[in-house]
Amino acid sequence: MSTSIKQFIAHFIAERKRLGLTQAAAAEKCGVSLKMWGNYERGEHVPTGEVLLKFMEAGANVPQLFVFNQANQVNKQYIADSNITDLMQAYELADDTEKAALTTLANLIIKNSKK
């Protein structure tokens, strides 16, 4: 599998996660089976233009899927943004006790990073 395909797949997965979609939800929004969506994320098939248009209609930044840097590595900021979105969603879904624990953990990380 080429490096470009690997990068596309990483961006594709990150974008789905940024949108807060499970594989099943993304597949449904794009009009394909869960099995086919899994094939896309494993690099066994490439999504068609129609699938990418539906993914874009669901909120995906499709042009970003095709942005690769000179070192042939996934754009780290793009992945970081996806991770931040995941953390925010986890916090929003948490109950008060879990929110307190997450906040305490975040404060400890910030405190230790300043040392």
N, C-alpha and C. Protein backbone atom coordinates (compact mmCIF):
# COMPACT_ATOMS: atom_id res chain seq x y z
N MET A 1 0.86 -1.18 0.00
CA MET A 1 0.00 0.00 0.00
C MET A 1 0.90 1.24 0.00
N SER A 2 0.61 2.18 -0.88
CA SER A 2 1.45 3.38 -0.99
C SER A 2 1.30 4.27 0.24
N THR A 3 2.29 5.10 0.42
CA THR A 3 2.27 6.05 1.53
C THR A 3 1.09 7.01 1.40
N SER A 4 0.80 7.43 0.17
CA SER A 4 -0.32 8.35 -0.05
C SER A 4 -1.64 7.72 0.36
N ILE A 5 -1.82 6.45 0.03
CA ILE A 5 -3.05 5.75 0.42
C ILE A 5 -3.13 5.64 1.93
N LYS A 6 -2.01 5.32 2.57
CA LYS A 6 -2.00 5.23 4.04
C LYS A 6 -2.36 6.57 4.67
N GLN A 7 -1.85 7.65 4.10
CA GLN A 7 -2.16 8.98 4.64
C GLN A 7 -3.63 9.32 4.41
N PHE A 8 -4.14 9.00 3.22
CA PHE A 8 -5.55 9.25 2.94
C PHE A 8 -6.42 8.52 3.96
N ILE A 9 -6.11 7.26 4.22
CA ILE A 9 -6.89 6.45 5.16
C ILE A 9 -6.84 7.07 6.56
N ALA A 10 -5.65 7.49 6.99
CA ALA A 10 -5.52 8.11 8.31
C ALA A 10 -6.37 9.38 8.40
N HIS A 11 -6.36 10.19 7.35
CA HIS A 11 -7.18 11.40 7.33
C HIS A 11 -8.67 11.06 7.32
N PHE A 12 -9.01 10.04 6.55
CA PHE A 12 -10.40 9.60 6.43
C PHE A 12 -10.95 9.18 7.79
N ILE A 13 -10.17 8.38 8.50
CA ILE A 13 -10.57 7.91 9.84
C ILE A 13 -10.64 9.09 10.82
N ALA A 14 -9.63 9.96 10.78
CA ALA A 14 -9.61 11.11 11.68
C ALA A 14 -10.81 12.02 11.45
N GLU A 15 -11.18 12.18 10.18
CA GLU A 15 -12.33 13.06 9.88
C GLU A 15 -13.63 12.44 10.39
N ARG A 16 -13.78 11.14 10.24
CA ARG A 16 -14.98 10.47 10.78
C ARG A 16 -15.04 10.69 12.29
N LYS A 17 -13.92 10.50 12.96
CA LYS A 17 -13.89 10.66 14.41
C LYS A 17 -14.13 12.10 14.82
N ARG A 18 -13.58 13.05 14.04
CA ARG A 18 -13.79 14.47 14.34
C ARG A 18 -15.27 14.81 14.31
N LEU A 19 -15.99 14.15 13.41
CA LEU A 19 -17.44 14.38 13.30
C LEU A 19 -18.22 13.65 14.38
N GLY A 20 -17.54 12.82 15.18
CA GLY A 20 -18.22 12.08 16.23
C GLY A 20 -19.05 10.93 15.70
N LEU A 21 -18.67 10.40 14.54
CA LEU A 21 -19.43 9.32 13.92
C LEU A 21 -18.77 7.97 14.16
N THR A 22 -19.59 6.99 14.46
CA THR A 22 -19.10 5.62 14.45
C THR A 22 -18.97 5.20 13.00
N GLN A 23 -18.31 4.07 12.76
CA GLN A 23 -18.23 3.56 11.40
C GLN A 23 -19.63 3.31 10.85
N ALA A 24 -20.50 2.76 11.68
CA ALA A 24 -21.87 2.45 11.24
C ALA A 24 -22.62 3.72 10.86
N ALA A 25 -22.49 4.76 11.67
CA ALA A 25 -23.20 6.02 11.38
C ALA A 25 -22.65 6.67 10.11
N ALA A 26 -21.34 6.64 9.94
CA ALA A 26 -20.74 7.22 8.74
C ALA A 26 -21.19 6.44 7.50
N ALA A 27 -21.20 5.13 7.61
CA ALA A 27 -21.63 4.29 6.49
C ALA A 27 -23.08 4.62 6.10
N GLU A 28 -23.92 4.75 7.11
CA GLU A 28 -25.33 5.05 6.84
C GLU A 28 -25.48 6.41 6.16
N LYS A 29 -24.78 7.43 6.67
CA LYS A 29 -24.87 8.76 6.08
C LYS A 29 -24.36 8.79 4.64
N CYS A 30 -23.43 7.90 4.34
CA CYS A 30 -22.82 7.89 3.00
C CYS A 30 -23.43 6.85 2.07
N GLY A 31 -24.43 6.12 2.56
CA GLY A 31 -25.15 5.18 1.71
C GLY A 31 -24.40 3.92 1.35
N VAL A 32 -23.50 3.49 2.26
CA VAL A 32 -22.78 2.23 2.02
C VAL A 32 -22.95 1.33 3.24
N SER A 33 -22.61 0.08 3.07
CA SER A 33 -22.71 -0.87 4.18
C SER A 33 -21.58 -0.64 5.17
N LEU A 34 -21.78 -1.11 6.39
CA LEU A 34 -20.74 -1.04 7.41
C LEU A 34 -19.51 -1.82 6.94
N LYS A 35 -19.74 -2.94 6.29
CA LYS A 35 -18.62 -3.75 5.78
C LYS A 35 -17.79 -2.94 4.78
N MET A 36 -18.46 -2.22 3.88
CA MET A 36 -17.73 -1.42 2.89
C MET A 36 -16.97 -0.29 3.58
N TRP A 37 -17.60 0.34 4.58
CA TRP A 37 -16.90 1.41 5.30
C TRP A 37 -15.63 0.86 5.95
N GLY A 38 -15.74 -0.30 6.55
CA GLY A 38 -14.56 -0.94 7.13
C GLY A 38 -13.49 -1.20 6.07
N ASN A 39 -13.92 -1.59 4.88
CA ASN A 39 -12.98 -1.79 3.77
C ASN A 39 -12.25 -0.50 3.43
N TYR A 40 -12.98 0.62 3.46
CA TYR A 40 -12.34 1.92 3.20
C TYR A 40 -11.27 2.20 4.25
N GLU A 41 -11.62 1.98 5.52
CA GLU A 41 -10.70 2.31 6.61
C GLU A 41 -9.51 1.35 6.70
N ARG A 42 -9.63 0.20 6.10
CA ARG A 42 -8.50 -0.74 6.04
C ARG A 42 -7.71 -0.60 4.74
N GLY A 43 -8.18 0.24 3.84
CA GLY A 43 -7.50 0.44 2.57
C GLY A 43 -7.76 -0.65 1.55
N GLU A 44 -8.79 -1.43 1.77
CA GLU A 44 -9.12 -2.52 0.84
C GLU A 44 -9.93 -2.01 -0.34
N HIS A 45 -10.62 -0.90 -0.17
CA HIS A 45 -11.36 -0.23 -1.25
C HIS A 45 -11.19 1.27 -1.08
N VAL A 46 -11.38 2.00 -2.16
CA VAL A 46 -11.30 3.46 -2.14
C VAL A 46 -12.71 4.00 -2.31
N PRO A 47 -13.13 4.96 -1.46
CA PRO A 47 -14.48 5.49 -1.60
C PRO A 47 -14.66 6.19 -2.95
N THR A 48 -15.84 6.02 -3.51
CA THR A 48 -16.16 6.67 -4.78
C THR A 48 -16.39 8.16 -4.57
N GLY A 49 -16.45 8.89 -5.65
CA GLY A 49 -16.75 10.31 -5.58
C GLY A 49 -18.10 10.56 -4.92
N GLU A 50 -19.07 9.71 -5.23
CA GLU A 50 -20.40 9.85 -4.64
C GLU A 50 -20.35 9.70 -3.12
N VAL A 51 -19.57 8.73 -2.64
CA VAL A 51 -19.42 8.52 -1.20
C VAL A 51 -18.75 9.73 -0.57
N LEU A 52 -17.71 10.25 -1.22
CA LEU A 52 -17.01 11.42 -0.68
C LEU A 52 -17.92 12.65 -0.65
N LEU A 53 -18.76 12.81 -1.66
CA LEU A 53 -19.72 13.93 -1.64
C LEU A 53 -20.70 13.80 -0.49
N LYS A 54 -21.19 12.59 -0.24
CA LYS A 54 -22.11 12.38 0.88
C LYS A 54 -21.39 12.60 2.22
N PHE A 55 -20.12 12.20 2.28
CA PHE A 55 -19.32 12.41 3.49
C PHE A 55 -19.18 13.92 3.73
N MET A 56 -18.96 14.67 2.66
CA MET A 56 -18.85 16.12 2.77
C MET A 56 -20.18 16.72 3.22
N GLU A 57 -21.29 16.21 2.69
CA GLU A 57 -22.61 16.70 3.11
C GLU A 57 -22.85 16.43 4.59
N ALA A 58 -22.21 15.38 5.12
CA ALA A 58 -22.33 15.05 6.54
C ALA A 58 -21.43 15.93 7.41
N GLY A 59 -20.65 16.80 6.76
CA GLY A 59 -19.80 17.72 7.51
C GLY A 59 -18.31 17.50 7.37
N ALA A 60 -17.91 16.49 6.62
CA ALA A 60 -16.49 16.18 6.47
C ALA A 60 -15.78 17.23 5.63
N ASN A 61 -14.55 17.50 5.98
CA ASN A 61 -13.69 18.39 5.19
C ASN A 61 -12.95 17.50 4.19
N VAL A 62 -13.63 17.17 3.10
CA VAL A 62 -13.09 16.22 2.13
C VAL A 62 -11.77 16.69 1.51
N PRO A 63 -11.61 17.96 1.14
CA PRO A 63 -10.31 18.35 0.58
C PRO A 63 -9.13 18.04 1.51
N GLN A 64 -9.35 18.12 2.82
CA GLN A 64 -8.28 17.83 3.78
C GLN A 64 -7.82 16.38 3.69
N LEU A 65 -8.68 15.49 3.22
CA LEU A 65 -8.31 14.08 3.10
C LEU A 65 -7.14 13.89 2.14
N PHE A 66 -6.97 14.84 1.23
CA PHE A 66 -5.96 14.73 0.20
C PHE A 66 -4.73 15.60 0.45
N VAL A 67 -4.62 16.16 1.65
CA VAL A 67 -3.48 17.02 1.97
C VAL A 67 -2.41 16.18 2.66
N PHE A 68 -1.26 16.10 2.02
CA PHE A 68 -0.13 15.34 2.56
C PHE A 68 1.06 16.28 2.68
N ASN A 69 1.86 16.09 3.72
CA ASN A 69 3.02 16.97 3.87
C ASN A 69 4.24 16.38 3.16
N GLN A 70 5.31 17.16 3.09
CA GLN A 70 6.50 16.77 2.34
C GLN A 70 7.16 15.50 2.89
N ALA A 71 7.07 15.27 4.17
CA ALA A 71 7.71 14.11 4.79
C ALA A 71 6.83 12.86 4.70
N ASN A 72 5.71 12.97 3.96
CA ASN A 72 4.78 11.84 3.82
C ASN A 72 4.26 11.35 5.17
N GLN A 73 3.97 12.29 6.06
CA GLN A 73 3.39 11.97 7.35
C GLN A 73 2.02 12.62 7.43
N VAL A 74 1.14 12.04 8.24
CA VAL A 74 -0.18 12.63 8.42
C VAL A 74 -0.03 13.99 9.09
N ASN A 75 -0.83 14.95 8.66
CA ASN A 75 -0.81 16.29 9.23
C ASN A 75 -1.14 16.19 10.72
N LYS A 76 -0.16 16.44 11.57
CA LYS A 76 -0.33 16.25 13.01
C LYS A 76 -1.36 17.19 13.62
N GLN A 77 -1.45 18.41 13.12
CA GLN A 77 -2.43 19.34 13.65
C GLN A 77 -3.84 18.85 13.39
N TYR A 78 -4.05 18.29 12.22
CA TYR A 78 -5.37 17.76 11.85
C TYR A 78 -5.77 16.64 12.81
N ILE A 79 -4.84 15.75 13.10
CA ILE A 79 -5.10 14.65 14.05
C ILE A 79 -5.32 15.21 15.45
N ALA A 80 -4.52 16.20 15.84
CA ALA A 80 -4.66 16.81 17.16
C ALA A 80 -6.05 17.42 17.31
N ASP A 81 -6.51 18.12 16.26
CA ASP A 81 -7.85 18.70 16.31
C ASP A 81 -8.90 17.62 16.50
N SER A 82 -8.71 16.49 15.84
CA SER A 82 -9.64 15.37 15.97
C SER A 82 -9.63 14.83 17.40
N ASN A 83 -8.44 14.74 18.00
CA ASN A 83 -8.33 14.25 19.37
C ASN A 83 -8.99 15.21 20.36
N ILE A 84 -8.85 16.50 20.12
CA ILE A 84 -9.48 17.49 20.99
C ILE A 84 -11.00 17.35 20.91
N THR A 85 -11.50 17.15 19.70
CA THR A 85 -12.94 16.95 19.52
C THR A 85 -13.40 15.72 20.28
N ASP A 86 -12.62 14.63 20.20
CA ASP A 86 -12.97 13.41 20.93
C ASP A 86 -13.02 13.67 22.44
N LEU A 87 -12.03 14.41 22.96
CA LEU A 87 -12.00 14.72 24.38
C LEU A 87 -13.19 15.57 24.81
N MET A 88 -13.52 16.54 23.98
CA MET A 88 -14.67 17.41 24.30
C MET A 88 -15.97 16.61 24.32
N GLN A 89 -16.11 15.70 23.38
CA GLN A 89 -17.32 14.87 23.34
C GLN A 89 -17.39 13.97 24.56
N ALA A 90 -16.25 13.41 24.96
CA ALA A 90 -16.23 12.56 26.15
C ALA A 90 -16.65 13.37 27.38
N TYR A 91 -16.14 14.59 27.48
CA TYR A 91 -16.48 15.45 28.61
C TYR A 91 -17.97 15.76 28.62
N GLU A 92 -18.52 16.09 27.45
CA GLU A 92 -19.94 16.42 27.36
C GLU A 92 -20.83 15.25 27.75
N LEU A 93 -20.38 14.03 27.49
CA LEU A 93 -21.17 12.84 27.80
C LEU A 93 -21.01 12.38 29.25
N ALA A 94 -19.99 12.90 29.92
CA ALA A 94 -19.68 12.45 31.27
C ALA A 94 -20.69 12.98 32.30
N ASP A 95 -20.85 12.21 33.38
CA ASP A 95 -21.66 12.71 34.49
C ASP A 95 -20.78 13.63 35.35
N ASP A 96 -21.34 14.21 36.39
CA ASP A 96 -20.61 15.19 37.20
C ASP A 96 -19.34 14.61 37.82
N THR A 97 -19.40 13.38 38.30
CA THR A 97 -18.23 12.75 38.91
C THR A 97 -17.14 12.53 37.87
N GLU A 98 -17.52 12.07 36.69
CA GLU A 98 -16.55 11.84 35.62
C GLU A 98 -15.95 13.17 35.14
N LYS A 99 -16.78 14.21 35.07
CA LYS A 99 -16.27 15.53 34.67
C LYS A 99 -15.24 16.03 35.68
N ALA A 100 -15.52 15.82 36.95
CA ALA A 100 -14.58 16.25 37.99
C ALA A 100 -13.26 15.50 37.86
N ALA A 101 -13.34 14.21 37.59
CA ALA A 101 -12.12 13.41 37.42
C ALA A 101 -11.33 13.86 36.20
N LEU A 102 -12.03 14.12 35.10
CA LEU A 102 -11.35 14.59 33.88
C LEU A 102 -10.69 15.94 34.11
N THR A 103 -11.38 16.83 34.81
CA THR A 103 -10.83 18.15 35.09
C THR A 103 -9.60 18.04 35.98
N THR A 104 -9.66 17.19 37.01
CA THR A 104 -8.51 16.98 37.90
C THR A 104 -7.32 16.44 37.10
N LEU A 105 -7.56 15.47 36.25
CA LEU A 105 -6.49 14.90 35.43
C LEU A 105 -5.89 15.96 34.51
N ALA A 106 -6.72 16.75 33.86
CA ALA A 106 -6.22 17.80 32.98
C ALA A 106 -5.36 18.80 33.75
N ASN A 107 -5.80 19.19 34.94
CA ASN A 107 -5.03 20.12 35.75
C ASN A 107 -3.69 19.54 36.16
N LEU A 108 -3.65 18.24 36.48
CA LEU A 108 -2.38 17.59 36.82
C LEU A 108 -1.43 17.57 35.62
N ILE A 109 -1.95 17.29 34.47
CA ILE A 109 -1.12 17.27 33.27
C ILE A 109 -0.55 18.65 32.99
N ILE A 110 -1.39 19.69 33.12
CA ILE A 110 -0.93 21.06 32.90
C ILE A 110 0.13 21.42 33.91
N LYS A 111 -0.10 21.09 35.18
CA LYS A 111 0.86 21.39 36.25
C LYS A 111 2.19 20.70 35.99
N ASN A 112 2.16 19.42 35.60
CA ASN A 112 3.40 18.68 35.36
C ASN A 112 4.12 19.13 34.10
N SER A 113 3.40 19.64 33.13
CA SER A 113 4.05 20.09 31.89
C SER A 113 4.81 21.40 32.07
N LYS A 114 4.49 22.13 33.14
CA LYS A 114 5.16 23.41 33.41
C LYS A 114 6.46 23.24 34.18
N LYS A 115 6.73 22.01 34.62
CA LYS A 115 7.96 21.78 35.41
C LYS A 115 9.14 21.65 34.54
